[in-house]
Amino acid sequence: MDPATRPWPSARTPSASPSAWQRSSPASEPIKYIITLRNLSLSHVLSS
């Protein structure tokens, strides 16, 4: 059966394990950079 059509989530899917997927995907490095910047700006706004 195609993993995309299974009714239950797979541990190998990015949605089930985003951190593991990011570590294994070089293309996710810019994404992690953007998320880090966003988290820093959000925490700065909330603390002010």
PDB file of N, CA and C in Angstrom:
ATOM      1  N   MET A   1       0.844  -1.201   0.000  1.00  0.00           N
ATOM      2  CA  MET A   1       0.000   0.000   0.000  1.00  0.00           C
ATOM      3  C   MET A   1       0.879   1.251   0.000  1.00  0.00           C
ATOM      4  N   ASP A   2       0.418   2.253  -0.680  1.00  0.00           N
ATOM      5  CA  ASP A   2       1.155   3.515  -0.743  1.00  0.00           C
ATOM      6  C   ASP A   2       1.151   4.181   0.636  1.00  0.00           C
ATOM      7  N   PRO A   3       2.322   4.584   1.143  1.00  0.00           N
ATOM      8  CA  PRO A   3       2.374   5.216   2.470  1.00  0.00           C
ATOM      9  C   PRO A   3       1.495   6.458   2.579  1.00  0.00           C
ATOM     10  N   ALA A   4       1.278   7.145   1.465  1.00  0.00           N
ATOM     11  CA  ALA A   4       0.493   8.379   1.507  1.00  0.00           C
ATOM     12  C   ALA A   4      -0.998   8.097   1.681  1.00  0.00           C
ATOM     13  N   THR A   5      -1.412   6.861   1.385  1.00  0.00           N
ATOM     14  CA  THR A   5      -2.836   6.542   1.457  1.00  0.00           C
ATOM     15  C   THR A   5      -3.187   5.769   2.721  1.00  0.00           C
ATOM     16  N   ARG A   6      -2.201   5.458   3.551  1.00  0.00           N
ATOM     17  CA  ARG A   6      -2.493   4.716   4.776  1.00  0.00           C
ATOM     18  C   ARG A   6      -3.248   5.603   5.771  1.00  0.00           C
ATOM     19  N   PRO A   7      -4.193   5.054   6.496  1.00  0.00           N
ATOM     20  CA  PRO A   7      -5.011   5.848   7.414  1.00  0.00           C
ATOM     21  C   PRO A   7      -4.278   6.243   8.692  1.00  0.00           C
ATOM     22  N   TRP A   8      -3.127   5.626   8.957  1.00  0.00           N
ATOM     23  CA  TRP A   8      -2.409   5.968  10.181  1.00  0.00           C
ATOM     24  C   TRP A   8      -1.104   6.672   9.817  1.00  0.00           C
ATOM     25  N   PRO A   9      -0.613   7.564  10.692  1.00  0.00           N
ATOM     26  CA  PRO A   9       0.628   8.299  10.409  1.00  0.00           C
ATOM     27  C   PRO A   9       1.844   7.386  10.482  1.00  0.00           C
ATOM     28  N   SER A  10       2.788   7.640   9.628  1.00  0.00           N
ATOM     29  CA  SER A  10       4.012   6.844   9.625  1.00  0.00           C
ATOM     30  C   SER A  10       5.112   7.611  10.334  1.00  0.00           C
ATOM     31  N   ALA A  11       5.958   6.900  11.055  1.00  0.00           N
ATOM     32  CA  ALA A  11       7.060   7.548  11.776  1.00  0.00           C
ATOM     33  C   ALA A  11       8.069   8.135  10.799  1.00  0.00           C
ATOM     34  N   ARG A  12       7.993   7.709   9.540  1.00  0.00           N
ATOM     35  CA  ARG A  12       8.955   8.194   8.551  1.00  0.00           C
ATOM     36  C   ARG A  12       8.479   9.472   7.871  1.00  0.00           C
ATOM     37  N   THR A  13       7.248   9.872   8.126  1.00  0.00           N
ATOM     38  CA  THR A  13       6.723  11.063   7.464  1.00  0.00           C
ATOM     39  C   THR A  13       7.229  12.320   8.153  1.00  0.00           C
ATOM     40  N   PRO A  14       7.483  13.384   7.400  1.00  0.00           N
ATOM     41  CA  PRO A  14       7.959  14.639   7.992  1.00  0.00           C
ATOM     42  C   PRO A  14       6.994  15.191   9.038  1.00  0.00           C
ATOM     43  N   SER A  15       5.711  15.014   8.819  1.00  0.00           N
ATOM     44  CA  SER A  15       4.728  15.564   9.747  1.00  0.00           C
ATOM     45  C   SER A  15       4.767  14.839  11.088  1.00  0.00           C
ATOM     46  N   ALA A  16       5.154  13.564  11.059  1.00  0.00           N
ATOM     47  CA  ALA A  16       5.190  12.794  12.296  1.00  0.00           C
ATOM     48  C   ALA A  16       6.467  13.074  13.080  1.00  0.00           C
ATOM     49  N   SER A  17       7.543  13.373  12.372  1.00  0.00           N
ATOM     50  CA  SER A  17       8.818  13.611  13.045  1.00  0.00           C
ATOM     51  C   SER A  17       9.577  14.735  12.356  1.00  0.00           C
ATOM     52  N   PRO A  18       9.146  15.979  12.569  1.00  0.00           N
ATOM     53  CA  PRO A  18       9.772  17.105  11.858  1.00  0.00           C
ATOM     54  C   PRO A  18      11.236  17.299  12.216  1.00  0.00           C
ATOM     55  N   SER A  19      11.602  17.061  13.484  1.00  0.00           N
ATOM     56  CA  SER A  19      12.990  17.282  13.885  1.00  0.00           C
ATOM     57  C   SER A  19      13.916  16.276  13.204  1.00  0.00           C
ATOM     58  N   ALA A  20      13.490  15.023  13.144  1.00  0.00           N
ATOM     59  CA  ALA A  20      14.310  14.003  12.500  1.00  0.00           C
ATOM     60  C   ALA A  20      14.402  14.263  11.001  1.00  0.00           C
ATOM     61  N   TRP A  21      13.295  14.744  10.422  1.00  0.00           N
ATOM     62  CA  TRP A  21      13.291  15.032   8.993  1.00  0.00           C
ATOM     63  C   TRP A  21      14.223  16.191   8.694  1.00  0.00           C
ATOM     64  N   GLN A  22      14.215  17.212   9.547  1.00  0.00           N
ATOM     65  CA  GLN A  22      15.077  18.367   9.330  1.00  0.00           C
ATOM     66  C   GLN A  22      16.543  17.972   9.442  1.00  0.00           C
ATOM     67  N   ARG A  23      16.868  17.094  10.399  1.00  0.00           N
ATOM     68  CA  ARG A  23      18.263  16.678  10.572  1.00  0.00           C
ATOM     69  C   ARG A  23      18.747  15.890   9.365  1.00  0.00           C
ATOM     70  N   SER A  24      17.840  15.178   8.702  1.00  0.00           N
ATOM     71  CA  SER A  24      18.244  14.328   7.591  1.00  0.00           C
ATOM     72  C   SER A  24      18.121  15.041   6.249  1.00  0.00           C
ATOM     73  N   SER A  25      17.605  16.270   6.251  1.00  0.00           N
ATOM     74  CA  SER A  25      17.391  16.986   4.994  1.00  0.00           C
ATOM     75  C   SER A  25      18.185  18.285   4.960  1.00  0.00           C
ATOM     76  N   PRO A  26      19.240  18.355   4.143  1.00  0.00           N
ATOM     77  CA  PRO A  26      20.030  19.587   4.043  1.00  0.00           C
ATOM     78  C   PRO A  26      19.203  20.777   3.568  1.00  0.00           C
ATOM     79  N   ALA A  27      18.156  20.517   2.817  1.00  0.00           N
ATOM     80  CA  ALA A  27      17.332  21.600   2.281  1.00  0.00           C
ATOM     81  C   ALA A  27      16.540  22.304   3.376  1.00  0.00           C
ATOM     82  N   SER A  28      16.473  21.691   4.551  1.00  0.00           N
ATOM     83  CA  SER A  28      15.691  22.289   5.632  1.00  0.00           C
ATOM     84  C   SER A  28      16.507  23.283   6.443  1.00  0.00           C
ATOM     85  N   GLU A  29      17.799  23.397   6.178  1.00  0.00           N
ATOM     86  CA  GLU A  29      18.630  24.323   6.952  1.00  0.00           C
ATOM     87  C   GLU A  29      18.110  25.761   6.884  1.00  0.00           C
ATOM     88  N   PRO A  30      17.797  26.301   5.697  1.00  0.00           N
ATOM     89  CA  PRO A  30      17.243  27.665   5.643  1.00  0.00           C
ATOM     90  C   PRO A  30      15.922  27.779   6.393  1.00  0.00           C
ATOM     91  N   ILE A  31      15.136  26.713   6.391  1.00  0.00           N
ATOM     92  CA  ILE A  31      13.851  26.731   7.089  1.00  0.00           C
ATOM     93  C   ILE A  31      14.081  26.860   8.589  1.00  0.00           C
ATOM     94  N   LYS A  32      15.041  26.083   9.110  1.00  0.00           N
ATOM     95  CA  LYS A  32      15.332  26.163  10.542  1.00  0.00           C
ATOM     96  C   LYS A  32      15.865  27.541  10.902  1.00  0.00           C
ATOM     97  N   TYR A  33      16.625  28.144   9.988  1.00  0.00           N
ATOM     98  CA  TYR A  33      17.168  29.484  10.228  1.00  0.00           C
ATOM     99  C   TYR A  33      16.037  30.500  10.333  1.00  0.00           C
ATOM    100  N   ILE A  34      15.067  30.399   9.422  1.00  0.00           N
ATOM    101  CA  ILE A  34      13.930  31.324   9.429  1.00  0.00           C
ATOM    102  C   ILE A  34      13.088  31.119  10.686  1.00  0.00           C
ATOM    103  N   ILE A  35      12.864  29.862  11.061  1.00  0.00           N
ATOM    104  CA  ILE A  35      12.060  29.579  12.253  1.00  0.00           C
ATOM    105  C   ILE A  35      12.746  30.128  13.495  1.00  0.00           C
ATOM    106  N   THR A  36      14.070  29.995  13.553  1.00  0.00           N
ATOM    107  CA  THR A  36      14.811  30.511  14.704  1.00  0.00           C
ATOM    108  C   THR A  36      14.677  32.021  14.788  1.00  0.00           C
ATOM    109  N   LEU A  37      14.810  32.694  13.651  1.00  0.00           N
ATOM    110  CA  LEU A  37      14.668  34.152  13.644  1.00  0.00           C
ATOM    111  C   LEU A  37      13.266  34.561  14.073  1.00  0.00           C
ATOM    112  N   ARG A  38      12.270  33.828  13.601  1.00  0.00           N
ATOM    113  CA  ARG A  38      10.888  34.152  13.950  1.00  0.00           C
ATOM    114  C   ARG A  38      10.651  33.949  15.444  1.00  0.00           C
ATOM    115  N   ASN A  39      11.189  32.867  15.991  1.00  0.00           N
ATOM    116  CA  ASN A  39      11.017  32.612  17.421  1.00  0.00           C
ATOM    117  C   ASN A  39      11.704  33.691  18.245  1.00  0.00           C
ATOM    118  N   LEU A  40      12.874  34.136  17.804  1.00  0.00           N
ATOM    119  CA  LEU A  40      13.585  35.179  18.533  1.00  0.00           C
ATOM    120  C   LEU A  40      12.795  36.480  18.509  1.00  0.00           C
ATOM    121  N   SER A  41      12.243  36.828  17.358  1.00  0.00           N
ATOM    122  CA  SER A  41      11.483  38.075  17.258  1.00  0.00           C
ATOM    123  C   SER A  41      10.192  37.986  18.068  1.00  0.00           C
ATOM    124  N   LEU A  42       9.564  36.813  18.075  1.00  0.00           N
ATOM    125  CA  LEU A  42       8.332  36.652  18.845  1.00  0.00           C
ATOM    126  C   LEU A  42       8.612  36.762  20.336  1.00  0.00           C
ATOM    127  N   SER A  43       9.685  36.142  20.796  1.00  0.00           N
ATOM    128  CA  SER A  43      10.002  36.196  22.222  1.00  0.00           C
ATOM    129  C   SER A  43      10.366  37.617  22.631  1.00  0.00           C
ATOM    130  N   HIS A  44      10.997  38.356  21.729  1.00  0.00           N
ATOM    131  CA  HIS A  44      11.365  39.741  22.028  1.00  0.00           C
ATOM    132  C   HIS A  44      10.111  40.606  22.157  1.00  0.00           C
ATOM    133  N   VAL A  45       9.153  40.387  21.268  1.00  0.00           N
ATOM    134  CA  VAL A  45       7.910  41.164  21.304  1.00  0.00           C
ATOM    135  C   VAL A  45       7.107  40.819  22.561  1.00  0.00           C
ATOM    136  N   LEU A  46       7.090  39.540  22.922  1.00  0.00           N
ATOM    137  CA  LEU A  46       6.302  39.133  24.083  1.00  0.00           C
ATOM    138  C   LEU A  46       6.924  39.625  25.383  1.00  0.00           C
ATOM    139  N   SER A  47       8.234  39.739  25.424  1.00  0.00           N
ATOM    140  CA  SER A  47       8.902  40.141  26.665  1.00  0.00           C
ATOM    141  C   SER A  47       8.889  41.650  26.859  1.00  0.00           C
ATOM    142  N   SER A  48       8.623  42.407  25.807  1.00  0.00           N
ATOM    143  CA  SER A  48       8.657  43.868  25.926  1.00  0.00           C
ATOM    144  C   SER A  48       7.320  44.421  26.435  1.00  0.00           C
TER     145      SER A  48
END
